Structures are given as structure tokens and as C-alpha cells.
C-alpha atoms as a PDB file:
ATOM      1  CA  UNK A   1     -47.368  -0.059 -27.195  1.00  0.00           C
ATOM      2  CA  UNK A   2     -46.531   1.200 -23.526  1.00  0.00           C
ATOM      3  CA  UNK A   3     -43.454   3.372 -23.288  1.00  0.00           C
ATOM      4  CA  UNK A   4     -41.092   2.430 -20.308  1.00  0.00           C
ATOM      5  CA  UNK A   5     -39.915   5.587 -18.368  1.00  0.00           C
ATOM      6  CA  UNK A   6     -36.176   6.621 -17.401  1.00  0.00           C
ATOM      7  CA  UNK A   7     -35.973   5.176 -13.975  1.00  0.00           C
ATOM      8  CA  UNK A   8     -34.583   8.358 -11.304  1.00  0.00           C
ATOM      9  CA  UNK A   9     -31.054   8.585  -9.597  1.00  0.00           C
ATOM     10  CA  UNK A  10     -27.754   6.996  -9.738  1.00  0.00           C
ATOM     11  CA  UNK A  11     -28.209   3.607 -11.749  1.00  0.00           C
ATOM     12  CA  UNK A  12     -28.102   0.108  -9.263  1.00  0.00           C
ATOM     13  CA  UNK A  13     -24.334  -1.199  -7.981  1.00  0.00           C
ATOM     14  CA  UNK A  14     -23.848  -4.904  -8.270  1.00  0.00           C
ATOM     15  CA  UNK A  15     -24.066  -6.025  -4.749  1.00  0.00           C
ATOM     16  CA  UNK A  16     -19.986  -7.138  -4.512  1.00  0.00           C
ATOM     17  CA  UNK A  17     -19.798  -2.794  -5.428  1.00  0.00           C
ATOM     18  CA  UNK A  18     -22.652  -1.332  -2.763  1.00  0.00           C
ATOM     19  CA  UNK A  19     -21.097   0.097   0.572  1.00  0.00           C
ATOM     20  CA  UNK A  20     -23.744  -0.704   3.229  1.00  0.00           C
ATOM     21  CA  UNK A  21     -21.929   0.670   6.259  1.00  0.00           C
ATOM     22  CA  UNK A  22     -21.132   3.916   7.311  1.00  0.00           C
ATOM     23  CA  UNK A  23     -19.084   4.989  10.460  1.00  0.00           C
ATOM     24  CA  UNK A  24     -20.665   6.853  13.182  1.00  0.00           C
ATOM     25  CA  UNK A  25     -20.864  10.393  13.556  1.00  0.00           C
ATOM     26  CA  UNK A  26     -17.672  11.963  14.573  1.00  0.00           C
ATOM     27  CA  UNK A  27     -17.519  15.146  15.446  1.00  0.00           C
ATOM     28  CA  UNK A  28     -15.330  18.494  14.726  1.00  0.00           C
ATOM     29  CA  UNK A  29     -13.971  21.049  15.091  1.00  0.00           C
ATOM     30  CA  UNK A  30     -14.855  23.987  12.618  1.00  0.00           C
ATOM     31  CA  UNK A  31     -11.221  24.332  11.240  1.00  0.00           C
ATOM     32  CA  UNK A  32     -10.256  20.245  11.816  1.00  0.00           C
ATOM     33  CA  UNK A  33     -13.434  20.288   8.645  1.00  0.00           C
ATOM     34  CA  UNK A  34     -12.592  23.170   6.045  1.00  0.00           C
ATOM     35  CA  UNK A  35      -8.729  21.828   6.522  1.00  0.00           C
ATOM     36  CA  UNK A  36     -10.457  17.676   5.383  1.00  0.00           C
ATOM     37  CA  UNK A  37     -12.569  19.378   2.392  1.00  0.00           C
ATOM     38  CA  UNK A  38      -9.578  21.329   1.295  1.00  0.00           C
ATOM     39  CA  UNK A  39      -7.150  18.148   1.583  1.00  0.00           C
ATOM     40  CA  UNK A  40      -9.576  16.540  -0.556  1.00  0.00           C
ATOM     41  CA  UNK A  41     -10.424  19.716  -3.013  1.00  0.00           C
ATOM     42  CA  UNK A  42      -6.108  19.519  -3.889  1.00  0.00           C
ATOM     43  CA  UNK A  43      -6.954  15.477  -4.483  1.00  0.00           C
ATOM     44  CA  UNK A  44      -9.243  15.966  -6.833  1.00  0.00           C
ATOM     45  CA  UNK A  45     -11.832  14.063  -4.432  1.00  0.00           C
ATOM     46  CA  UNK A  46     -15.140  15.053  -2.961  1.00  0.00           C
ATOM     47  CA  UNK A  47     -14.875  14.488   0.920  1.00  0.00           C
ATOM     48  CA  UNK A  48     -16.178  10.634   0.868  1.00  0.00           C
ATOM     49  CA  UNK A  49     -13.419   9.736  -0.706  1.00  0.00           C
ATOM     50  CA  UNK A  50     -10.544  11.286   0.973  1.00  0.00           C
ATOM     51  CA  UNK A  51     -12.319  10.362   4.288  1.00  0.00           C
ATOM     52  CA  UNK A  52     -12.214   6.631   3.146  1.00  0.00           C
ATOM     53  CA  UNK A  53      -8.970   6.616   1.520  1.00  0.00           C
ATOM     54  CA  UNK A  54      -6.684   8.544   4.818  1.00  0.00           C
ATOM     55  CA  UNK A  55      -9.107   6.334   7.117  1.00  0.00           C
ATOM     56  CA  UNK A  56      -7.384   3.136   5.205  1.00  0.00           C
ATOM     57  CA  UNK A  57      -3.759   4.557   3.809  1.00  0.00           C
ATOM     58  CA  UNK A  58      -3.519   4.870   7.901  1.00  0.00           C
ATOM     59  CA  UNK A  59      -5.379   1.891   8.449  1.00  0.00           C
ATOM     60  CA  UNK A  60      -2.716  -0.437   7.070  1.00  0.00           C
ATOM     61  CA  UNK A  61       0.142   1.652   8.196  1.00  0.00           C
ATOM     62  CA  UNK A  62      -0.927   0.679  11.816  1.00  0.00           C
ATOM     63  CA  UNK A  63      -1.985  -2.832  10.530  1.00  0.00           C
ATOM     64  CA  UNK A  64       1.876  -3.292   8.611  1.00  0.00           C
ATOM     65  CA  UNK A  65       3.666  -2.063  12.330  1.00  0.00           C
ATOM     66  CA  UNK A  66       1.415  -4.200  14.227  1.00  0.00           C
ATOM     67  CA  UNK A  67       2.659  -6.973  12.672  1.00  0.00           C
END
């Protein structure tokens, strides 16, 4: 009888949940990076989620002002 091996890594996500695009590299001062990391930790988020949520919120505000 053939045993099935568990695959390594995270389980696969459905196509509509996959993030496939990336922002180009953003250069920061060390103090900015520290502030972002601390803010993410205060909100209980990892850095990636915090940056994404913050950028999305600002984009919505900017687009709302535009009309």
C-alpha cells in the first residue's frame, strides 16, 4: 500500500485569494522602519498586513477626496 506524504509549507489558497503583485522596493530611514514595526505590533498585525491595511486606508481617503 502506498503512503501519501504530507506536503511542506502553507496550504494552497484559492486563485481569488492569491496575492500575485508586489510593490517595488521602498527605501526607508531606519527610524521609519522601526516606527512601522512598532505600529504593526501595537495593532497585533505583521508588518506586511499593517503596511497593506495602512496603504489601502489612505488610498480610499485620497480617492474619496477626488470625488
